[in-house]
Amino acid sequence: MERKEKRVPNCNWSKHEHRVEIFKNEKGDKIRIDHFQVGSSKMEYVQFINTDEILTVTGDYGNWVFCRPFVPSSTGYVCDHYWLEKLKIASKQEFTELDWKSIIGDIKEKIDSLEEEGYEGKQLKEAKEWYTELLEVAESEDTLEYEYKAFRDYYKPSCIDYEEIPHYKEIPTQLLIIFDVFDEICFRLKEKEEKNGI
């Protein structure tokens, strides 16, 4: 049995304990709360609350609401994009953010390769100027300004197609940590079953 590779490798869960509370509400529906924490500390604390066909995750890495329950089990794991779909359906939270490192790298590469792509004369000059301005905005990491400059700029040269403009998104670290914690709990449950011969 192997542990899944962590999405956020520098997180250490070795001192965290997994504790479960199960009870019923007044309608008789089962509510399960999985706590993952060091002692009674609230630092790096994560709580999974499964109730009424939803999962709410709270703690040190934000609050997230999914439109279906995800109950930790020995066979459970996170499929990132499936979970993101269930997060999107259940709330209006931002579950992706611009990946500035990739965007900046691509803009620099784009500036260096304009001539190879066939830009010349006035088009080359305009494209180089516009991409240089776009690079400055990207380096400020201002999402609103970047998206305005990239997709609504009146002065964008007509020779640049919108599909050529770098626009990458990534899952926020806090949500990746939540996914890692769920996988860690499932791994521990699997390990416990194997140890007990279940």
C-alpha atoms as a PDB file:
ATOM      1  CA  MET A   1       0.000   0.000   0.000  1.00  0.00           C
ATOM      2  CA  GLU A   2       1.453   3.332  -1.076  1.00  0.00           C
ATOM      3  CA  ARG A   3       0.606   6.819   0.031  1.00  0.00           C
ATOM      4  CA  LYS A   4      -0.591   9.142  -2.740  1.00  0.00           C
ATOM      5  CA  GLU A   5       1.918  11.803  -3.689  1.00  0.00           C
ATOM      6  CA  LYS A   6       1.050  15.068  -1.978  1.00  0.00           C
ATOM      7  CA  ARG A   7      -0.055  18.033  -4.030  1.00  0.00           C
ATOM      8  CA  VAL A   8       1.619  20.353  -1.491  1.00  0.00           C
ATOM      9  CA  PRO A   9       4.774  18.436  -0.524  1.00  0.00           C
ATOM     10  CA  ASN A  10       5.971  20.632   2.356  1.00  0.00           C
ATOM     11  CA  CYS A  11       2.949  19.886   4.590  1.00  0.00           C
ATOM     12  CA  ASN A  12       3.690  17.511   7.448  1.00  0.00           C
ATOM     13  CA  TRP A  13       0.758  15.540   8.849  1.00  0.00           C
ATOM     14  CA  SER A  14       2.779  13.210  11.114  1.00  0.00           C
ATOM     15  CA  LYS A  15       1.543  14.821  14.356  1.00  0.00           C
ATOM     16  CA  HIS A  16      -2.062  15.187  13.230  1.00  0.00           C
ATOM     17  CA  GLU A  17      -4.706  12.876  14.623  1.00  0.00           C
ATOM     18  CA  HIS A  18      -7.915  11.821  12.918  1.00  0.00           C
ATOM     19  CA  ARG A  19     -11.027  11.792  15.073  1.00  0.00           C
ATOM     20  CA  VAL A  20     -14.627  11.107  13.999  1.00  0.00           C
ATOM     21  CA  GLU A  21     -17.948  12.187  15.502  1.00  0.00           C
ATOM     22  CA  ILE A  22     -21.172  10.637  14.196  1.00  0.00           C
ATOM     23  CA  PHE A  23     -24.624  11.650  15.381  1.00  0.00           C
ATOM     24  CA  LYS A  24     -28.145  12.220  14.047  1.00  0.00           C
ATOM     25  CA  ASN A  25     -30.002  15.472  13.640  1.00  0.00           C
ATOM     26  CA  GLU A  26     -33.654  15.967  14.655  1.00  0.00           C
ATOM     27  CA  LYS A  27     -34.809  14.536  11.297  1.00  0.00           C
ATOM     28  CA  GLY A  28     -32.816  11.372  11.948  1.00  0.00           C
ATOM     29  CA  ASP A  29     -30.213  12.135   9.255  1.00  0.00           C
ATOM     30  CA  LYS A  30     -26.693  10.997  10.030  1.00  0.00           C
ATOM     31  CA  ILE A  31     -24.071  13.737  10.417  1.00  0.00           C
ATOM     32  CA  ARG A  32     -20.394  12.806  10.316  1.00  0.00           C
ATOM     33  CA  ILE A  33     -17.610  15.158  11.348  1.00  0.00           C
ATOM     34  CA  ASP A  34     -14.006  14.183  10.639  1.00  0.00           C
ATOM     35  CA  HIS A  35     -11.480  16.243  12.603  1.00  0.00           C
ATOM     36  CA  PHE A  36      -7.818  16.343  11.559  1.00  0.00           C
ATOM     37  CA  GLN A  37      -5.645  18.238  14.016  1.00  0.00           C
ATOM     38  CA  VAL A  38      -2.709  18.252  16.402  1.00  0.00           C
ATOM     39  CA  GLY A  39      -4.137  17.829  19.899  1.00  0.00           C
ATOM     40  CA  SER A  40      -6.703  20.567  20.481  1.00  0.00           C
ATOM     41  CA  SER A  41      -4.807  23.157  18.422  1.00  0.00           C
ATOM     42  CA  LYS A  42      -6.633  25.129  15.764  1.00  0.00           C
ATOM     43  CA  MET A  43      -3.400  25.576  13.780  1.00  0.00           C
ATOM     44  CA  GLU A  44      -3.441  23.494  10.576  1.00  0.00           C
ATOM     45  CA  TYR A  45      -6.839  22.165  11.684  1.00  0.00           C
ATOM     46  CA  VAL A  46      -9.213  20.747   9.068  1.00  0.00           C
ATOM     47  CA  GLN A  47     -12.779  19.594   9.667  1.00  0.00           C
ATOM     48  CA  PHE A  48     -14.938  17.682   7.158  1.00  0.00           C
ATOM     49  CA  ILE A  49     -18.678  17.907   7.929  1.00  0.00           C
ATOM     50  CA  ASN A  50     -20.877  15.526   5.915  1.00  0.00           C
ATOM     51  CA  THR A  51     -24.584  16.209   6.295  1.00  0.00           C
ATOM     52  CA  ASP A  52     -27.749  16.573   4.204  1.00  0.00           C
ATOM     53  CA  GLU A  53     -26.034  15.481   0.998  1.00  0.00           C
ATOM     54  CA  ILE A  54     -23.276  18.113   1.228  1.00  0.00           C
ATOM     55  CA  LEU A  55     -19.714  18.347   2.466  1.00  0.00           C
ATOM     56  CA  THR A  56     -18.558  21.461   4.250  1.00  0.00           C
ATOM     57  CA  VAL A  57     -14.849  21.805   4.957  1.00  0.00           C
ATOM     58  CA  THR A  58     -13.729  24.341   7.556  1.00  0.00           C
ATOM     59  CA  GLY A  59     -10.550  25.155   9.392  1.00  0.00           C
ATOM     60  CA  ASP A  60      -7.209  26.810   8.843  1.00  0.00           C
ATOM     61  CA  TYR A  61      -7.367  26.492   5.046  1.00  0.00           C
ATOM     62  CA  GLY A  62     -10.668  28.246   4.418  1.00  0.00           C
ATOM     63  CA  ASN A  63     -14.296  27.232   4.178  1.00  0.00           C
ATOM     64  CA  TRP A  64     -15.450  25.160   1.219  1.00  0.00           C
ATOM     65  CA  VAL A  65     -18.906  23.767   0.380  1.00  0.00           C
ATOM     66  CA  PHE A  66     -19.348  20.822  -2.009  1.00  0.00           C
ATOM     67  CA  CYS A  67     -22.729  19.739  -3.423  1.00  0.00           C
ATOM     68  CA  ARG A  68     -22.344  16.116  -2.357  1.00  0.00           C
ATOM     69  CA  PRO A  69     -20.915  14.234   0.587  1.00  0.00           C
ATOM     70  CA  PHE A  70     -17.348  12.972   0.424  1.00  0.00           C
ATOM     71  CA  VAL A  71     -16.937  10.643   3.381  1.00  0.00           C
ATOM     72  CA  PRO A  72     -13.382   9.515   4.143  1.00  0.00           C
ATOM     73  CA  SER A  73     -12.979   5.754   3.752  1.00  0.00           C
ATOM     74  CA  SER A  74     -10.266   3.174   3.222  1.00  0.00           C
ATOM     75  CA  THR A  75     -11.050   3.184  -0.510  1.00  0.00           C
ATOM     76  CA  GLY A  76     -11.589   6.941  -0.826  1.00  0.00           C
ATOM     77  CA  TYR A  77      -9.423   9.471  -2.609  1.00  0.00           C
ATOM     78  CA  VAL A  78      -9.691  12.885  -4.236  1.00  0.00           C
ATOM     79  CA  CYS A  79     -10.147  13.265  -7.969  1.00  0.00           C
ATOM     80  CA  ASP A  80      -9.249  16.973  -8.197  1.00  0.00           C
ATOM     81  CA  HIS A  81     -11.389  18.003 -11.152  1.00  0.00           C
ATOM     82  CA  TYR A  82     -14.435  16.004 -10.028  1.00  0.00           C
ATOM     83  CA  TRP A  83     -14.244  17.679  -6.621  1.00  0.00           C
ATOM     84  CA  LEU A  84     -13.831  21.094  -8.286  1.00  0.00           C
ATOM     85  CA  GLU A  85     -16.984  20.444 -10.309  1.00  0.00           C
ATOM     86  CA  LYS A  86     -18.890  19.642  -7.096  1.00  0.00           C
ATOM     87  CA  LEU A  87     -17.454  22.765  -5.468  1.00  0.00           C
ATOM     88  CA  LYS A  88     -18.517  24.954  -8.390  1.00  0.00           C
ATOM     89  CA  ILE A  89     -22.074  23.614  -8.338  1.00  0.00           C
ATOM     90  CA  ALA A  90     -22.439  24.253  -4.607  1.00  0.00           C
ATOM     91  CA  SER A  91     -21.011  27.749  -4.302  1.00  0.00           C
ATOM     92  CA  LYS A  92     -19.737  30.844  -6.015  1.00  0.00           C
ATOM     93  CA  GLN A  93     -16.296  30.580  -4.409  1.00  0.00           C
ATOM     94  CA  GLU A  94     -13.212  31.056  -6.542  1.00  0.00           C
ATOM     95  CA  PHE A  95     -11.619  27.648  -6.824  1.00  0.00           C
ATOM     96  CA  THR A  96      -8.948  28.606  -9.324  1.00  0.00           C
ATOM     97  CA  GLU A  97      -6.631  31.585  -9.594  1.00  0.00           C
ATOM     98  CA  LEU A  98      -4.320  32.878 -12.280  1.00  0.00           C
ATOM     99  CA  ASP A  99      -1.024  31.015 -12.549  1.00  0.00           C
ATOM    100  CA  TRP A 100       1.281  34.028 -12.781  1.00  0.00           C
ATOM    101  CA  LYS A 101       4.494  32.058 -13.169  1.00  0.00           C
ATOM    102  CA  SER A 102       3.197  30.274 -16.291  1.00  0.00           C
ATOM    103  CA  ILE A 103       1.629  33.434 -17.707  1.00  0.00           C
ATOM    104  CA  ILE A 104       4.800  35.521 -17.258  1.00  0.00           C
ATOM    105  CA  GLY A 105       6.968  32.741 -18.719  1.00  0.00           C
ATOM    106  CA  ASP A 106       4.728  32.416 -21.775  1.00  0.00           C
ATOM    107  CA  ILE A 107       4.597  36.168 -22.399  1.00  0.00           C
ATOM    108  CA  LYS A 108       8.410  36.368 -22.288  1.00  0.00           C
ATOM    109  CA  GLU A 109       8.631  33.396 -24.650  1.00  0.00           C
ATOM    110  CA  LYS A 110       6.026  35.005 -26.915  1.00  0.00           C
ATOM    111  CA  ILE A 111       8.005  38.273 -27.102  1.00  0.00           C
ATOM    112  CA  ASP A 112      11.157  36.342 -28.042  1.00  0.00           C
ATOM    113  CA  SER A 113       9.424  34.271 -30.742  1.00  0.00           C
ATOM    114  CA  LEU A 114       7.309  36.888 -32.544  1.00  0.00           C
ATOM    115  CA  GLU A 115       9.648  37.040 -35.550  1.00  0.00           C
ATOM    116  CA  GLU A 116       9.738  33.228 -35.828  1.00  0.00           C
ATOM    117  CA  GLU A 117       5.934  33.283 -35.856  1.00  0.00           C
ATOM    118  CA  GLY A 118       5.961  35.547 -38.903  1.00  0.00           C
ATOM    119  CA  TYR A 119       5.490  38.974 -37.356  1.00  0.00           C
ATOM    120  CA  GLU A 120       7.390  41.689 -39.208  1.00  0.00           C
ATOM    121  CA  GLY A 121       7.457  45.446 -39.749  1.00  0.00           C
ATOM    122  CA  LYS A 122       4.633  47.416 -38.111  1.00  0.00           C
ATOM    123  CA  GLN A 123       2.892  44.259 -36.827  1.00  0.00           C
ATOM    124  CA  LEU A 124       6.109  43.123 -35.100  1.00  0.00           C
ATOM    125  CA  LYS A 125       6.597  46.528 -33.466  1.00  0.00           C
ATOM    126  CA  GLU A 126       2.961  46.733 -32.278  1.00  0.00           C
ATOM    127  CA  ALA A 127       2.894  43.139 -31.010  1.00  0.00           C
ATOM    128  CA  LYS A 128       6.199  43.550 -29.150  1.00  0.00           C
ATOM    129  CA  GLU A 129       5.019  46.780 -27.491  1.00  0.00           C
ATOM    130  CA  TRP A 130       1.663  45.304 -26.518  1.00  0.00           C
ATOM    131  CA  TYR A 131       3.130  42.059 -25.123  1.00  0.00           C
ATOM    132  CA  THR A 132       5.730  44.108 -23.187  1.00  0.00           C
ATOM    133  CA  GLU A 133       2.905  46.163 -21.625  1.00  0.00           C
ATOM    134  CA  LEU A 134       0.992  42.940 -20.894  1.00  0.00           C
ATOM    135  CA  LEU A 135       4.125  41.519 -19.228  1.00  0.00           C
ATOM    136  CA  GLU A 136       4.353  44.551 -16.926  1.00  0.00           C
ATOM    137  CA  VAL A 137       0.727  44.093 -15.901  1.00  0.00           C
ATOM    138  CA  ALA A 138       1.251  40.337 -15.324  1.00  0.00           C
ATOM    139  CA  GLU A 139       4.296  41.016 -13.150  1.00  0.00           C
ATOM    140  CA  SER A 140       2.088  43.177 -10.894  1.00  0.00           C
ATOM    141  CA  GLU A 141      -0.159  40.089 -10.387  1.00  0.00           C
ATOM    142  CA  ASP A 142      -3.280  42.252 -10.563  1.00  0.00           C
ATOM    143  CA  THR A 143      -5.940  39.865 -11.904  1.00  0.00           C
ATOM    144  CA  LEU A 144      -8.503  42.501 -12.861  1.00  0.00           C
ATOM    145  CA  GLU A 145      -5.940  44.678 -14.640  1.00  0.00           C
ATOM    146  CA  TYR A 146      -4.422  41.671 -16.433  1.00  0.00           C
ATOM    147  CA  GLU A 147      -7.756  40.379 -17.705  1.00  0.00           C
ATOM    148  CA  TYR A 148      -8.748  43.866 -18.840  1.00  0.00           C
ATOM    149  CA  LYS A 149      -5.453  44.404 -20.682  1.00  0.00           C
ATOM    150  CA  ALA A 150      -5.467  40.882 -22.151  1.00  0.00           C
ATOM    151  CA  PHE A 151      -9.077  40.667 -23.309  1.00  0.00           C
ATOM    152  CA  ARG A 152     -10.662  44.112 -23.351  1.00  0.00           C
ATOM    153  CA  ASP A 153      -7.838  46.410 -24.397  1.00  0.00           C
ATOM    154  CA  TYR A 154      -9.041  48.721 -27.154  1.00  0.00           C
ATOM    155  CA  TYR A 155      -5.430  49.143 -28.274  1.00  0.00           C
ATOM    156  CA  LYS A 156      -4.631  45.437 -28.669  1.00  0.00           C
ATOM    157  CA  PRO A 157      -3.156  45.015 -32.134  1.00  0.00           C
ATOM    158  CA  SER A 158      -5.619  43.272 -34.439  1.00  0.00           C
ATOM    159  CA  CYS A 159      -2.863  40.882 -35.540  1.00  0.00           C
ATOM    160  CA  ILE A 160      -2.923  39.225 -32.097  1.00  0.00           C
ATOM    161  CA  ASP A 161      -5.591  36.544 -31.749  1.00  0.00           C
ATOM    162  CA  TYR A 162      -7.188  36.151 -28.310  1.00  0.00           C
ATOM    163  CA  GLU A 163      -6.169  32.486 -28.311  1.00  0.00           C
ATOM    164  CA  GLU A 164      -2.508  33.597 -28.339  1.00  0.00           C
ATOM    165  CA  ILE A 165      -2.836  35.453 -25.025  1.00  0.00           C
ATOM    166  CA  PRO A 166      -1.482  33.444 -22.054  1.00  0.00           C
ATOM    167  CA  HIS A 167      -4.211  32.733 -19.498  1.00  0.00           C
ATOM    168  CA  TYR A 168      -3.546  29.847 -17.106  1.00  0.00           C
ATOM    169  CA  LYS A 169      -5.336  28.997 -13.914  1.00  0.00           C
ATOM    170  CA  GLU A 170      -4.293  26.867 -10.956  1.00  0.00           C
ATOM    171  CA  ILE A 171      -6.015  25.458  -7.892  1.00  0.00           C
ATOM    172  CA  PRO A 172      -5.257  27.548  -4.769  1.00  0.00           C
ATOM    173  CA  THR A 173      -2.805  25.976  -2.330  1.00  0.00           C
ATOM    174  CA  GLN A 174      -5.408  25.980   0.484  1.00  0.00           C
ATOM    175  CA  LEU A 175      -7.746  23.775  -1.545  1.00  0.00           C
ATOM    176  CA  LEU A 176      -4.896  21.461  -2.585  1.00  0.00           C
ATOM    177  CA  ILE A 177      -4.077  21.046   1.114  1.00  0.00           C
ATOM    178  CA  ILE A 178      -7.720  20.106   1.798  1.00  0.00           C
ATOM    179  CA  PHE A 179      -7.444  17.456  -0.939  1.00  0.00           C
ATOM    180  CA  ASP A 180      -4.183  16.160   0.575  1.00  0.00           C
ATOM    181  CA  VAL A 181      -5.747  15.949   4.045  1.00  0.00           C
ATOM    182  CA  PHE A 182      -8.685  13.924   2.719  1.00  0.00           C
ATOM    183  CA  ASP A 183      -6.281  11.546   0.948  1.00  0.00           C
ATOM    184  CA  GLU A 184      -4.188  11.261   4.136  1.00  0.00           C
ATOM    185  CA  ILE A 185      -7.256  10.361   6.227  1.00  0.00           C
ATOM    186  CA  CYS A 186      -8.278   7.727   3.666  1.00  0.00           C
ATOM    187  CA  PHE A 187      -4.742   6.309   3.650  1.00  0.00           C
ATOM    188  CA  ARG A 188      -4.764   6.027   7.447  1.00  0.00           C
ATOM    189  CA  LEU A 189      -8.136   4.283   7.401  1.00  0.00           C
ATOM    190  CA  LYS A 190      -6.816   1.815   4.797  1.00  0.00           C
ATOM    191  CA  GLU A 191      -3.659   1.264   6.846  1.00  0.00           C
ATOM    192  CA  LYS A 192      -5.739   0.631   9.987  1.00  0.00           C
ATOM    193  CA  GLU A 193      -7.944  -1.914   8.155  1.00  0.00           C
ATOM    194  CA  GLU A 194      -4.892  -3.778   6.868  1.00  0.00           C
ATOM    195  CA  LYS A 195      -3.274  -3.776  10.307  1.00  0.00           C
ATOM    196  CA  ASN A 196      -6.452  -5.186  11.865  1.00  0.00           C
ATOM    197  CA  GLY A 197      -6.893  -7.744   9.071  1.00  0.00           C
ATOM    198  CA  ILE A 198     -10.190  -6.336   7.850  1.00  0.00           C
END
